[in-house]
Amino acid sequence: MVYKIVAISGSHGAHSYNQALINYLKIKTVDCFQIQTLAIDQLPFLTTTVTPDVQYARATIKDADGLLIATTEINHSVPANIKNLIDWCSLDATILQNKPVMLIGASSGPLGTIRAQLHLREILTSPAINCRLTHQTECLVANAATQFDADGQLINEETKKILHNICTEFSTIIQNN
């Protein structure tokens, strides 16, 4: 069975390592995941007015079998665009409650995205949100410039194995949901 996955990235620049991770997974997981990237940079900050872009993002995530979050780390935390999307989705408990979520991330620093992912885990497991997160395998890509070639292709074999393992865990969480 092929599961419908919505992927979001905390960075969307031309040389985004997180988008490169999503692109790698789009190619390598076609037998089990159909990954759709959802652009979240243009969502308005949380207000009382739900715009068409917010409605689309929420409906897309609600209809998906799982959510893939590729986060960067900014000042030891989650990028504002990811937190903003989570806040919009949390206003409707049916969107994220028990939603399978896979966390991955890449950064140029030596710790990868460990602090951002810890913060995301805290947010996503709060009582009002309560997602089902991958936890046995963590994908914390550190020193990202050494993990990708000049074309943005993942070249580190250990990272490829980690991604394979986390995808296997994610698939199991979705199956059991």
Protein backbone atom coordinates (compact mmCIF):
# COMPACT_ATOMS: atom_id res chain seq x y z
CA MET A 1 0.00 0.00 0.00
CA VAL A 2 1.17 3.52 -0.82
CA TYR A 3 0.49 6.11 1.87
CA LYS A 4 -0.29 9.75 1.14
CA ILE A 5 2.25 11.94 2.95
CA VAL A 6 2.33 15.72 3.21
CA ALA A 7 5.84 17.13 3.63
CA ILE A 8 6.72 20.54 4.97
CA SER A 9 10.12 22.14 5.16
CA GLY A 10 11.30 24.78 7.57
CA SER A 11 13.50 26.23 4.85
CA HIS A 12 12.74 26.71 1.17
CA GLY A 13 15.84 28.38 -0.22
CA ALA A 14 17.41 27.22 -3.46
CA HIS A 15 20.02 25.30 -1.46
CA SER A 16 17.81 24.07 1.40
CA TYR A 17 19.20 20.89 2.91
CA ASN A 18 15.79 20.10 4.37
CA GLN A 19 14.12 20.36 0.99
CA ALA A 20 16.92 18.15 -0.36
CA LEU A 21 16.03 15.51 2.27
CA ILE A 22 12.38 15.65 1.18
CA ASN A 23 13.40 15.38 -2.48
CA TYR A 24 15.56 12.34 -1.67
CA LEU A 25 12.63 10.66 0.10
CA LYS A 26 10.24 11.45 -2.76
CA ILE A 27 12.48 9.41 -5.06
CA LYS A 28 13.51 6.61 -2.69
CA THR A 29 10.12 5.85 -1.12
CA VAL A 30 7.78 5.75 -4.14
CA ASP A 31 6.90 2.13 -3.34
CA CYS A 32 5.40 3.09 0.04
CA PHE A 33 4.87 6.88 0.14
CA GLN A 34 3.36 9.40 -2.23
CA ILE A 35 4.93 12.60 -0.90
CA GLN A 36 3.37 15.98 -1.63
CA THR A 37 5.30 19.07 -0.54
CA LEU A 38 3.14 21.75 1.01
CA ALA A 39 4.48 25.30 0.82
CA ILE A 40 3.87 27.07 4.12
CA ASP A 41 5.92 30.25 3.82
CA GLN A 42 2.98 32.35 2.63
CA LEU A 43 0.55 31.40 5.40
CA PRO A 44 -0.50 34.40 7.46
CA PHE A 45 0.38 34.41 11.12
CA LEU A 46 -2.35 33.00 13.34
CA THR A 47 -5.38 35.30 13.64
CA THR A 48 -9.13 34.84 13.82
CA THR A 49 -9.44 35.01 10.02
CA VAL A 50 -8.99 31.69 8.24
CA THR A 51 -7.76 32.46 4.72
CA PRO A 52 -8.12 30.16 1.68
CA ASP A 53 -4.40 29.28 1.96
CA VAL A 54 -4.91 28.20 5.57
CA GLN A 55 -8.03 26.21 4.64
CA TYR A 56 -6.08 24.45 1.89
CA ALA A 57 -3.13 23.63 4.16
CA ARG A 58 -5.37 22.28 6.91
CA ALA A 59 -7.47 20.18 4.51
CA THR A 60 -4.36 18.80 2.80
CA ILE A 61 -2.84 17.69 6.10
CA LYS A 62 -6.14 16.31 7.41
CA ASP A 63 -6.58 14.15 4.30
CA ALA A 64 -3.03 12.77 4.42
CA ASP A 65 -2.06 9.48 6.04
CA GLY A 66 0.95 11.15 7.63
CA LEU A 67 2.93 14.35 7.97
CA LEU A 68 6.66 14.66 7.27
CA ILE A 69 8.34 17.64 8.90
CA ALA A 70 11.85 18.54 7.74
CA THR A 71 13.00 21.22 10.12
CA THR A 72 15.96 23.44 10.25
CA GLU A 73 17.04 24.92 13.57
CA ILE A 74 16.90 28.64 14.26
CA ASN A 75 18.17 29.96 17.60
CA HIS A 76 17.87 26.47 19.12
CA SER A 77 14.22 26.19 18.12
CA VAL A 78 11.63 25.58 15.43
CA PRO A 79 11.30 27.92 12.45
CA ALA A 80 8.32 30.27 12.72
CA ASN A 81 6.68 28.91 9.56
CA ILE A 82 6.42 25.39 11.01
CA LYS A 83 5.16 26.60 14.39
CA ASN A 84 2.63 28.84 12.65
CA LEU A 85 1.26 25.92 10.61
CA ILE A 86 0.97 23.77 13.73
CA ASP A 87 -0.87 26.59 15.50
CA TRP A 88 -3.35 26.92 12.61
CA CYS A 89 -3.93 23.15 12.55
CA SER A 90 -4.35 22.92 16.32
CA LEU A 91 -7.50 25.05 16.15
CA ASP A 92 -9.30 22.01 14.71
CA ALA A 93 -8.58 18.94 16.83
CA THR A 94 -9.45 16.58 13.95
CA ILE A 95 -6.43 17.67 11.91
CA LEU A 96 -3.46 16.62 14.05
CA GLN A 97 -4.91 14.40 16.80
CA ASN A 98 -3.21 10.99 16.40
CA LYS A 99 -1.72 12.04 13.04
CA PRO A 100 1.44 10.04 12.30
CA VAL A 101 4.38 12.45 12.04
CA MET A 102 7.96 11.81 10.95
CA LEU A 103 10.53 14.37 12.06
CA ILE A 104 13.77 14.84 10.15
CA GLY A 105 16.11 17.76 9.84
CA ALA A 106 19.40 19.07 8.57
CA SER A 107 21.58 21.98 9.57
CA SER A 108 25.11 23.14 9.02
CA GLY A 109 25.94 22.92 12.73
CA PRO A 110 27.57 20.02 14.57
CA LEU A 111 24.39 19.06 16.49
CA GLY A 112 22.11 18.87 13.50
CA THR A 113 18.58 19.82 14.45
CA ILE A 114 18.44 18.12 17.84
CA ARG A 115 17.12 21.13 19.77
CA ALA A 116 14.52 22.05 17.14
CA GLN A 117 13.31 18.45 17.02
CA LEU A 118 13.12 18.26 20.81
CA HIS A 119 11.03 21.42 20.81
CA LEU A 120 8.82 20.03 18.03
CA ARG A 121 8.32 16.81 19.98
CA GLU A 122 7.19 18.86 22.96
CA ILE A 123 4.73 20.82 20.84
CA LEU A 124 3.39 17.88 18.83
CA THR A 125 2.77 15.71 21.90
CA SER A 126 0.98 18.42 23.87
CA PRO A 127 -2.56 17.38 24.90
CA ALA A 128 -4.29 19.65 22.38
CA ILE A 129 -2.28 18.23 19.46
CA ASN A 130 -1.21 14.68 20.43
CA CYS A 131 0.45 13.43 17.24
CA ARG A 132 1.99 9.97 16.87
CA LEU A 133 5.70 10.61 16.34
CA THR A 134 8.56 8.51 15.09
CA HIS A 135 10.85 8.01 18.06
CA GLN A 136 12.96 4.88 17.66
CA THR A 137 15.05 6.46 14.91
CA GLU A 138 16.11 10.09 14.77
CA CYS A 139 17.35 11.83 11.64
CA LEU A 140 19.48 14.73 12.86
CA VAL A 141 21.69 15.62 9.91
CA ALA A 142 24.68 17.59 11.20
CA ASN A 143 27.32 19.38 9.14
CA ALA A 144 24.92 19.22 6.21
CA ALA A 145 27.37 20.68 3.70
CA THR A 146 29.38 17.45 3.93
CA GLN A 147 26.30 15.24 3.49
CA PHE A 148 25.22 16.53 0.07
CA ASP A 149 27.00 17.05 -3.24
CA ALA A 150 27.05 20.31 -5.21
CA ASP A 151 23.73 19.39 -6.87
CA GLY A 152 21.98 18.89 -3.53
CA GLN A 153 21.99 15.09 -3.75
CA LEU A 154 22.42 13.16 -0.52
CA ILE A 155 25.73 11.30 -0.59
CA ASN A 156 26.24 10.14 3.00
CA GLU A 157 25.49 6.40 3.22
CA GLU A 158 24.90 6.42 6.98
CA THR A 159 22.27 9.15 6.61
CA LYS A 160 20.62 7.12 3.84
CA LYS A 161 20.39 4.13 6.22
CA ILE A 162 18.92 6.32 8.95
CA LEU A 163 16.31 7.66 6.52
CA HIS A 164 15.45 4.11 5.46
CA ASN A 165 14.98 3.07 9.10
CA ILE A 166 12.86 6.09 10.05
CA CYS A 167 10.67 5.55 6.97
CA THR A 168 10.13 1.93 8.01
CA GLU A 169 9.10 3.08 11.49
CA PHE A 170 6.84 5.78 10.01
CA SER A 171 5.13 3.24 7.76
CA THR A 172 4.46 1.00 10.78
CA ILE A 173 2.98 3.91 12.74
CA ILE A 174 0.67 4.71 9.83
CA GLN A 175 -0.37 1.04 9.46
CA ASN A 176 -1.22 0.84 13.14
CA ASN A 177 -3.08 4.15 13.24
